[in-house]
Protein backbone atom coordinates (compact mmCIF):
# COMPACT_ATOMS: atom_id res chain seq x y z
CA MET A 1 24.39 1.50 134.63
CA LYS A 2 26.03 2.24 137.98
CA LYS A 3 26.40 5.91 137.11
CA VAL A 4 22.76 6.20 135.98
CA LEU A 5 21.58 4.57 139.21
CA SER A 6 23.71 6.93 141.29
CA TYR A 7 22.30 10.01 139.59
CA SER A 8 18.74 8.75 140.12
CA LEU A 9 19.36 8.22 143.83
CA TYR A 10 20.87 11.69 144.12
CA THR A 11 17.92 13.24 142.31
CA LEU A 12 15.51 11.36 144.55
CA ALA A 13 17.39 12.59 147.59
CA LEU A 14 17.05 16.19 146.44
CA LEU A 15 13.32 15.79 145.73
CA CYS A 16 12.71 14.20 149.11
CA GLY A 17 14.89 16.69 150.98
CA GLN A 18 16.93 13.95 152.56
CA ALA A 19 19.58 11.44 151.57
CA SER A 20 18.38 8.02 150.42
CA ALA A 21 21.98 6.82 150.43
CA ASN A 22 25.21 7.66 152.22
CA ILE A 23 25.99 11.07 150.70
CA THR A 24 29.07 13.20 151.40
CA VAL A 25 30.08 16.58 150.05
CA LEU A 26 33.84 17.15 150.03
CA ASN A 27 35.09 20.73 149.63
CA ALA A 28 38.76 21.70 149.27
CA LYS A 29 41.10 24.43 148.13
CA ALA A 30 41.89 22.55 144.91
CA TYR A 31 42.21 19.16 143.24
CA ILE A 32 44.63 17.74 140.71
CA ASP A 33 43.31 16.45 137.39
CA VAL A 34 45.98 13.78 136.98
CA GLU A 35 45.37 13.37 133.24
CA SER A 36 45.69 17.01 132.20
CA GLY A 37 47.84 18.22 135.06
CA GLN A 38 45.40 21.01 135.88
CA HIS A 39 45.26 22.40 139.41
CA ILE A 40 41.52 23.15 139.76
CA SER A 41 40.46 25.58 142.46
CA ASN A 42 37.56 25.42 144.93
CA PRO A 43 36.08 22.05 144.00
CA SER A 44 33.01 20.52 145.59
CA LEU A 45 32.67 16.75 145.18
CA LEU A 46 29.40 14.96 145.70
CA ILE A 47 30.01 11.37 146.80
CA GLU A 48 27.29 8.77 147.08
CA ASN A 49 28.20 5.55 148.87
CA ASN A 50 31.57 4.73 147.29
CA ARG A 51 31.46 6.77 144.05
CA ILE A 52 32.01 10.34 142.96
CA ILE A 53 28.67 11.46 141.50
CA LYS A 54 29.26 15.08 140.61
CA ILE A 55 32.07 17.65 140.62
CA ALA A 56 31.33 21.37 140.62
CA LYS A 57 32.61 24.65 141.98
CA GLN A 58 31.86 25.24 145.63
CA GLY A 59 28.39 26.74 146.08
CA GLN A 60 27.06 25.25 142.85
CA LEU A 61 25.83 21.91 144.22
CA GLN A 62 22.37 21.28 145.55
CA VAL A 63 23.02 19.22 148.62
CA PRO A 64 20.53 16.93 150.42
CA ASN A 65 19.70 18.20 153.90
CA ASN A 66 21.42 15.43 155.84
CA ALA A 67 24.46 14.96 153.65
CA GLN A 68 27.77 14.97 155.50
CA VAL A 69 29.81 18.02 154.50
CA ILE A 70 33.61 17.91 154.87
CA THR A 71 35.53 21.10 154.18
CA LEU A 72 39.31 20.84 153.86
CA ASN A 73 40.54 24.42 153.87
CA ASN A 74 43.98 24.93 152.30
CA LYS A 75 44.15 21.27 151.15
CA THR A 76 44.72 19.86 147.68
CA LEU A 77 42.89 16.68 146.70
CA LEU A 78 44.30 13.83 144.62
CA PRO A 79 43.05 10.35 143.80
CA GLY A 80 44.16 7.69 146.26
CA LEU A 81 47.74 6.65 145.53
CA MET A 82 48.60 3.17 144.24
CA ASP A 83 51.76 1.17 145.00
CA MET A 84 52.31 -1.75 142.63
CA HIS A 85 55.02 -3.53 144.63
CA VAL A 86 54.85 -4.09 148.39
CA HIS A 87 55.31 -6.97 150.83
CA LEU A 88 53.01 -6.41 153.79
CA THR A 89 54.41 -9.33 155.80
CA GLY A 90 57.89 -7.81 155.95
CA ASP A 91 59.28 -5.33 158.45
CA PRO A 92 62.81 -3.98 157.87
CA SER A 93 63.30 -3.15 161.54
CA ASP A 94 63.17 -6.86 162.41
CA ASN A 95 66.35 -8.90 162.43
CA PHE A 96 66.63 -10.10 158.85
CA LEU A 97 67.62 -13.72 159.49
CA ALA A 98 65.31 -14.15 162.49
CA ALA A 99 62.37 -12.99 160.36
CA GLN A 100 63.03 -15.83 157.88
CA ASN A 101 61.66 -18.18 160.54
CA TYR A 102 58.53 -16.28 161.49
CA SER A 103 55.38 -18.40 161.49
CA ILE A 104 52.54 -17.70 159.07
CA PRO A 105 50.33 -16.35 161.92
CA ARG A 106 53.14 -13.98 162.95
CA LYS A 107 53.56 -12.74 159.39
CA THR A 108 49.80 -12.29 159.06
CA VAL A 109 49.71 -10.07 162.14
CA LYS A 110 52.55 -8.04 160.63
CA ALA A 111 50.53 -7.67 157.44
CA VAL A 112 47.46 -6.40 159.33
CA LYS A 113 49.58 -3.72 161.00
CA ASN A 114 51.34 -2.73 157.79
CA ALA A 115 48.11 -2.63 155.78
CA GLN A 116 46.67 0.02 158.10
CA THR A 117 49.91 2.01 158.05
CA THR A 118 49.95 1.93 154.24
CA LEU A 119 46.36 3.12 153.92
CA LEU A 120 46.89 6.00 156.35
CA ALA A 121 49.91 7.07 154.28
CA GLY A 122 47.52 7.69 151.38
CA PHE A 123 47.96 4.47 149.40
CA THR A 124 44.44 3.19 148.87
CA THR A 125 45.38 0.41 146.40
CA ILE A 126 48.42 -1.88 146.49
CA ARG A 127 49.78 -4.97 144.78
CA ASN A 128 51.36 -7.41 147.24
CA LEU A 129 53.91 -9.38 145.25
CA GLY A 130 54.60 -12.43 147.33
CA SER A 131 53.81 -13.56 150.86
CA PRO A 132 53.95 -17.00 152.47
CA GLY A 133 50.96 -19.11 153.38
CA TYR A 134 48.43 -16.94 151.55
CA SER A 135 48.66 -14.62 154.55
CA VAL A 136 48.04 -11.36 152.68
CA ILE A 137 45.13 -12.94 150.80
CA ALA A 138 43.56 -13.52 154.22
CA VAL A 139 44.25 -9.90 155.20
CA ARG A 140 42.74 -8.70 151.93
CA ASP A 141 39.59 -10.70 152.59
CA ALA A 142 39.41 -9.33 156.14
CA ILE A 143 39.69 -5.78 154.79
CA ASN A 144 36.94 -6.46 152.26
CA ALA A 145 34.78 -7.82 155.10
CA GLN A 146 35.51 -4.60 157.08
CA GLU A 147 37.09 -6.59 159.91
CA VAL A 148 40.41 -4.73 159.69
CA ILE A 149 41.59 -1.52 158.02
CA GLY A 150 43.73 -1.42 154.91
CA PRO A 151 43.99 -0.59 151.23
CA ARG A 152 42.46 -2.39 148.28
CA ILE A 153 44.82 -5.33 147.76
CA TYR A 154 45.85 -7.33 144.72
CA SER A 155 47.77 -10.26 146.21
CA ALA A 156 49.94 -12.78 144.38
CA GLY A 157 50.03 -15.46 147.04
CA ASN A 158 53.32 -17.37 146.79
CA ALA A 159 55.91 -15.89 144.43
CA ILE A 160 56.90 -18.52 141.84
CA SER A 161 60.59 -19.53 141.78
CA ILE A 162 62.97 -22.13 140.41
CA THR A 163 64.56 -24.52 142.87
CA GLY A 164 67.27 -22.60 144.69
CA GLY A 165 66.38 -19.33 143.06
CA HIS A 166 65.25 -15.97 144.35
CA CYS A 167 61.92 -16.59 146.16
CA ASP A 168 62.93 -20.12 147.26
CA ASP A 169 64.01 -20.72 150.88
CA ASN A 170 67.81 -20.77 150.62
CA PHE A 171 68.57 -19.67 154.18
CA SER A 172 67.70 -23.00 155.83
CA ALA A 173 70.26 -25.76 156.39
CA PRO A 174 70.30 -28.48 153.68
CA GLU A 175 69.16 -31.22 156.06
CA ARG A 176 65.90 -29.36 156.66
CA LYS A 177 65.06 -29.80 152.96
CA SER A 178 63.02 -26.61 153.11
CA VAL A 179 61.36 -25.66 149.83
CA ALA A 180 59.31 -22.50 149.39
CA ALA A 181 55.69 -23.08 148.46
CA GLY A 182 56.08 -21.27 145.14
CA VAL A 183 58.86 -23.43 143.69
CA ALA A 184 58.17 -24.92 140.25
CA ASP A 185 60.51 -26.29 137.58
CA GLY A 186 59.37 -26.73 133.99
CA PRO A 187 56.48 -25.15 132.04
CA TRP A 188 53.74 -27.48 133.28
CA ALA A 189 54.87 -27.23 136.88
CA VAL A 190 54.82 -23.44 136.52
CA ARG A 191 51.27 -23.59 135.13
CA ALA A 192 50.24 -25.77 138.05
CA LYS A 193 51.72 -23.31 140.53
CA VAL A 194 49.81 -20.39 138.94
CA ARG A 195 46.63 -22.46 139.19
CA GLU A 196 47.36 -23.30 142.81
CA ASN A 197 47.81 -19.64 143.73
CA ILE A 198 44.52 -18.77 142.02
CA LYS A 199 42.80 -21.68 143.76
CA TYR A 200 43.64 -20.14 147.12
CA GLY A 201 42.58 -16.62 146.20
CA ALA A 202 45.39 -14.86 144.34
CA ASN A 203 44.12 -11.99 142.20
CA THR A 204 47.49 -11.28 140.62
CA ILE A 205 50.58 -13.44 139.94
CA LYS A 206 54.31 -12.96 140.48
CA ILE A 207 57.21 -14.96 139.03
CA CYS A 208 60.90 -14.48 139.81
CA ALA A 209 62.70 -14.30 136.47
CA THR A 210 66.19 -13.49 137.79
CA GLY A 211 68.23 -13.62 140.94
CA GLY A 212 67.60 -11.03 143.62
CA VAL A 213 69.20 -8.80 146.22
CA PHE A 214 67.64 -10.26 149.37
CA SER A 215 68.09 -13.96 148.64
CA LYS A 216 70.99 -16.27 149.43
CA GLY A 217 73.21 -17.66 146.68
CA THR A 218 71.56 -15.94 143.71
CA LYS A 219 73.18 -13.47 141.33
CA VAL A 220 70.99 -10.49 140.52
CA GLY A 221 71.96 -10.42 136.85
CA VAL A 222 71.38 -14.11 136.16
CA GLN A 223 68.20 -15.34 134.46
CA GLN A 224 66.33 -18.05 136.41
CA PHE A 225 63.33 -19.29 134.42
CA SER A 226 63.59 -20.12 130.73
CA GLU A 227 61.51 -18.07 128.33
CA GLN A 228 59.23 -21.08 127.81
CA GLU A 229 58.54 -21.27 131.55
CA LEU A 230 57.85 -17.53 131.73
CA GLN A 231 55.50 -17.80 128.77
CA ALA A 232 53.64 -20.66 130.44
CA ALA A 233 53.12 -18.52 133.56
CA ALA A 234 51.93 -15.53 131.55
CA GLU A 235 49.54 -17.61 129.44
CA GLU A 236 48.05 -19.31 132.49
CA ALA A 237 47.56 -16.02 134.35
CA HIS A 238 45.95 -14.40 131.31
CA LEU A 239 43.64 -17.37 130.75
CA ARG A 240 42.26 -16.65 134.21
CA GLY A 241 41.99 -12.92 133.61
CA LEU A 242 44.88 -11.92 135.91
CA ILE A 243 47.91 -9.73 135.32
CA ILE A 244 51.37 -11.10 136.07
CA ALA A 245 54.54 -9.43 137.34
CA ALA A 246 58.11 -10.63 136.91
CA HIS A 247 60.86 -9.87 139.40
CA ALA A 248 63.75 -9.15 137.02
CA HIS A 249 67.03 -7.37 137.67
CA GLY A 250 69.18 -8.94 134.93
CA THR A 251 69.12 -7.89 131.29
CA ASN A 252 68.42 -11.32 129.76
CA GLY A 253 65.69 -12.07 132.29
CA ILE A 254 64.03 -8.71 131.65
CA LYS A 255 63.97 -9.31 127.90
CA ALA A 256 62.77 -12.91 128.23
CA ALA A 257 59.93 -11.81 130.50
CA ILE A 258 58.84 -9.08 128.10
CA ARG A 259 58.87 -11.44 125.12
CA ALA A 260 56.94 -14.01 127.19
CA GLY A 261 54.05 -11.57 127.65
CA ILE A 262 54.58 -10.63 131.30
CA ASP A 263 52.54 -7.50 132.12
CA SER A 264 54.99 -5.70 134.42
CA ILE A 265 58.70 -5.94 135.09
CA GLU A 266 59.78 -5.30 138.69
CA HIS A 267 63.09 -3.62 139.59
CA CYS A 268 64.41 -3.37 135.96
CA SER A 269 67.97 -2.83 137.13
CA PHE A 270 70.05 -3.69 134.07
CA MET A 271 68.16 -2.55 130.97
CA ASP A 272 69.93 -2.20 127.64
CA ASP A 273 68.62 -0.55 124.46
CA GLU A 274 67.02 -3.78 123.27
CA ALA A 275 65.13 -4.17 126.55
CA ILE A 276 63.80 -0.62 126.28
CA SER A 277 62.78 -1.24 122.67
CA LEU A 278 61.02 -4.49 123.61
CA ALA A 279 59.14 -2.82 126.47
CA ARG A 280 57.93 -0.10 124.10
CA GLN A 281 56.93 -2.65 121.44
CA HIS A 282 54.98 -4.84 123.90
CA GLY A 283 53.52 -2.03 126.00
CA THR A 284 55.08 -3.60 129.11
CA TYR A 285 54.84 -1.69 132.37
CA LEU A 286 57.95 -1.03 134.45
CA SER A 287 57.94 -0.84 138.25
CA CYS A 288 61.24 0.47 139.61
CA ASP A 289 61.91 0.81 143.35
CA ILE A 290 64.49 3.58 143.40
CA TYR A 291 64.09 4.91 146.95
CA ASN A 292 65.06 2.03 149.22
CA THR A 293 68.82 1.90 148.53
CA GLU A 294 69.71 4.48 151.17
CA TYR A 295 67.67 2.70 153.83
CA THR A 296 69.31 -0.66 153.13
CA LEU A 297 72.83 0.74 153.13
CA ALA A 298 72.22 2.84 156.25
CA HIS A 299 70.33 0.30 158.37
CA GLY A 300 70.80 -3.12 156.80
CA GLU A 301 73.88 -4.23 158.69
CA ALA A 302 72.42 -3.19 162.05
CA ASN A 303 69.24 -5.11 161.23
CA GLY A 304 71.14 -8.30 160.47
CA VAL A 305 71.16 -8.19 156.67
CA PRO A 306 74.10 -10.40 155.55
CA GLU A 307 77.08 -8.85 153.79
CA GLU A 308 76.21 -10.78 150.60
CA ASN A 309 72.88 -8.98 150.34
CA ILE A 310 74.25 -5.54 151.15
CA ASN A 311 76.90 -5.98 148.46
CA LYS A 312 74.23 -6.94 145.93
CA GLU A 313 72.29 -3.79 146.81
CA LYS A 314 75.40 -1.76 146.08
CA GLN A 315 75.71 -3.58 142.76
CA VAL A 316 72.21 -2.78 141.52
CA SER A 317 71.38 0.64 142.99
CA LYS A 318 73.18 2.97 140.59
CA ALA A 319 72.35 0.81 137.56
CA GLN A 320 68.68 0.63 138.54
CA ARG A 321 68.37 4.40 138.80
CA GLU A 322 70.09 4.86 135.45
CA SER A 323 67.69 2.34 133.88
CA PHE A 324 64.80 4.28 135.41
CA ARG A 325 66.10 7.52 133.91
CA ARG A 326 66.47 5.96 130.45
CA ALA A 327 63.02 4.36 130.62
CA VAL A 328 61.41 7.69 131.51
CA LYS A 329 63.26 9.43 128.68
CA ALA A 330 62.06 6.72 126.28
CA GLY A 331 58.43 7.33 127.29
CA LEU A 332 57.79 3.78 128.51
CA ASN A 333 54.81 2.75 130.65
CA MET A 334 55.86 3.42 134.25
CA VAL A 335 54.04 2.61 137.47
CA PHE A 336 54.85 3.36 141.11
CA GLY A 337 56.43 0.39 142.90
CA SER A 338 58.30 0.90 146.16
CA ASP A 339 59.14 -2.62 147.40
CA ALA A 340 57.96 -1.50 150.85
CA ALA A 341 59.23 -3.98 153.46
CA ILE A 342 62.77 -3.32 152.28
CA TYR A 343 62.15 0.05 153.98
CA PRO A 344 59.35 0.91 156.43
CA HIS A 345 55.74 0.69 155.36
CA GLY A 346 54.11 4.11 155.42
CA ASP A 347 57.19 5.76 153.93
CA ASN A 348 56.06 4.79 150.42
CA GLY A 349 55.51 8.42 149.46
CA LYS A 350 59.18 9.25 149.93
CA GLN A 351 59.89 7.61 146.58
CA PHE A 352 58.15 10.43 144.70
CA THR A 353 61.08 12.77 145.35
CA ARG A 354 63.50 10.19 143.95
CA MET A 355 61.33 9.69 140.86
CA VAL A 356 61.50 13.42 140.11
CA GLN A 357 65.21 13.50 140.91
CA PHE A 358 65.86 10.76 138.37
CA GLY A 359 63.94 12.12 135.43
CA MET A 360 60.19 12.39 135.93
CA THR A 361 58.18 15.56 136.15
CA PRO A 362 55.99 15.79 139.26
CA LEU A 363 52.95 15.06 137.09
CA GLN A 364 54.56 11.96 135.62
CA ALA A 365 55.39 10.70 139.11
CA ILE A 366 51.80 11.25 140.22
CA GLN A 367 50.47 9.57 137.07
CA ALA A 368 52.67 6.54 137.79
CA ALA A 369 50.88 6.13 141.13
CA THR A 370 47.39 6.82 139.79
CA ILE A 371 46.18 6.44 136.20
CA ASN A 372 49.14 4.33 135.05
CA SER A 373 48.75 1.87 137.90
CA ALA A 374 45.00 1.71 137.31
CA ALA A 375 45.68 0.93 133.65
CA LEU A 376 48.08 -1.88 134.60
CA LEU A 377 45.42 -3.34 136.91
CA LYS A 378 42.79 -2.87 134.16
CA GLN A 379 40.58 -0.93 136.60
CA ALA A 380 38.61 1.67 134.65
CA ASP A 381 37.12 3.35 137.73
CA LEU A 382 40.30 3.95 139.75
CA GLY A 383 43.10 6.48 139.57
CA LYS A 384 41.25 9.74 138.92
CA ILE A 385 39.00 12.25 140.63
CA SER A 386 36.24 12.08 138.08
CA GLU A 387 32.49 11.56 137.99
CA GLY A 388 31.59 7.86 138.14
CA TYR A 389 34.94 6.86 139.64
CA LEU A 390 35.41 5.17 143.01
CA ALA A 391 35.79 7.67 145.84
CA ASP A 392 39.42 6.97 146.71
CA ILE A 393 40.64 10.47 147.61
CA ILE A 394 43.51 11.91 149.61
CA ALA A 395 44.47 15.45 150.63
CA VAL A 396 47.83 17.13 151.15
CA ASP A 397 48.91 20.56 152.39
CA ASP A 398 50.58 21.87 149.24
CA ASN A 399 50.33 21.62 145.46
CA PRO A 400 52.29 18.44 144.57
CA LEU A 401 52.86 19.72 141.04
CA SER A 402 55.22 22.32 142.51
CA ASN A 403 56.21 20.47 145.71
CA ILE A 404 56.22 16.72 145.17
CA ALA A 405 57.48 16.11 148.73
CA THR A 406 54.06 17.09 150.08
CA LEU A 407 52.92 13.56 149.16
CA GLU A 408 55.04 12.27 152.06
CA ASN A 409 52.55 13.78 154.52
CA VAL A 410 48.97 12.87 153.61
CA SER A 411 46.48 14.47 156.00
CA PHE A 412 43.17 13.06 154.70
CA VAL A 413 42.36 9.60 153.38
CA MET A 414 39.08 8.36 151.92
CA LYS A 415 38.72 4.89 150.43
CA ASP A 416 35.49 3.68 148.85
CA GLY A 417 33.72 6.78 150.15
CA LYS A 418 34.70 6.14 153.78
CA VAL A 419 37.01 8.50 155.68
CA TYR A 420 39.91 6.79 157.43
CA LYS A 421 42.07 9.81 158.24
CA GLN A 422 41.11 13.46 158.73
């Protein structure tokens, strides 16, 4: 129905000789069809309000008299990129331990800044997997209200953790009795925590199935939640129509999360053959952050990251990249997830080069950040430059199918039909 309405408005605009809606014509040197991998020359895109209405060769569109025409000579268009694992409230240049004590208002201001940086880097949709005090949910709502600038956000609210596990507050002294807002022990407590996150606006869910690199006192390979608890979280999220992600480095935690029905596994550091087989059988999506190791090892100590955490990064980095390589070779469902906040927001695109280095073709890397991520989010009108799709469009200087590094320097950003960078 939306597409039919859009065509009727366009037709009316042509008949009247003027636009009856906000109409833009976008011309470029080429665009990438991310499904077929075709590099299509001289496209002209007709955009009405926030949707792509028609795609033709330049010179073949009838354009309303007062349509805005944007011509990007020597630029290649792609759909807006999608990052399925970020933390907008984090900033790696801050002192690591000092940042543990930032107030919710301070973290929210950080998220506003980082949201704009992320959008201008070409990432028009993100999944924020954990932030305190529902801060990123507030930023998401402010973006939707056009009060601040940022990408389309799927925010998990508080990441769900066991007592003392990764995603709990383990850095505070015992006498403070500090407990992170996402802590839940037992299947019914986990269900209640999912419901609480949804109550306060979460539109995705995250649970921490294993220990993690940037927590105190956890071992990255050790499973945290039981399979019954993970299943309770997945069932509750799915009852409410939401997808759920599981932070999981360790082999047993990865497999338990897959069997429990979790939609995406984050990090995926220690995957064995059974884990790969289970992911294929269940159609589980994998989100592997394989760029940030160098940043942590180069800058972590200077930024106050404790030795325990740097040593854990050394433990997982090589294994994680090998798991990524094996998952790609096995043809599993892969999405783009950078874990931005472990390295600077806005540098998300630097991961593409690592994805190609460790086994993907440039097209596969692009698909991970477009149509695959849209499929994970169950969004049928995102992830492609195609008629009827939302007008999330970026432009780069080169053909990313032959030079994937060009995605590190996005020169044009349109989200929902509105230009934010040109």
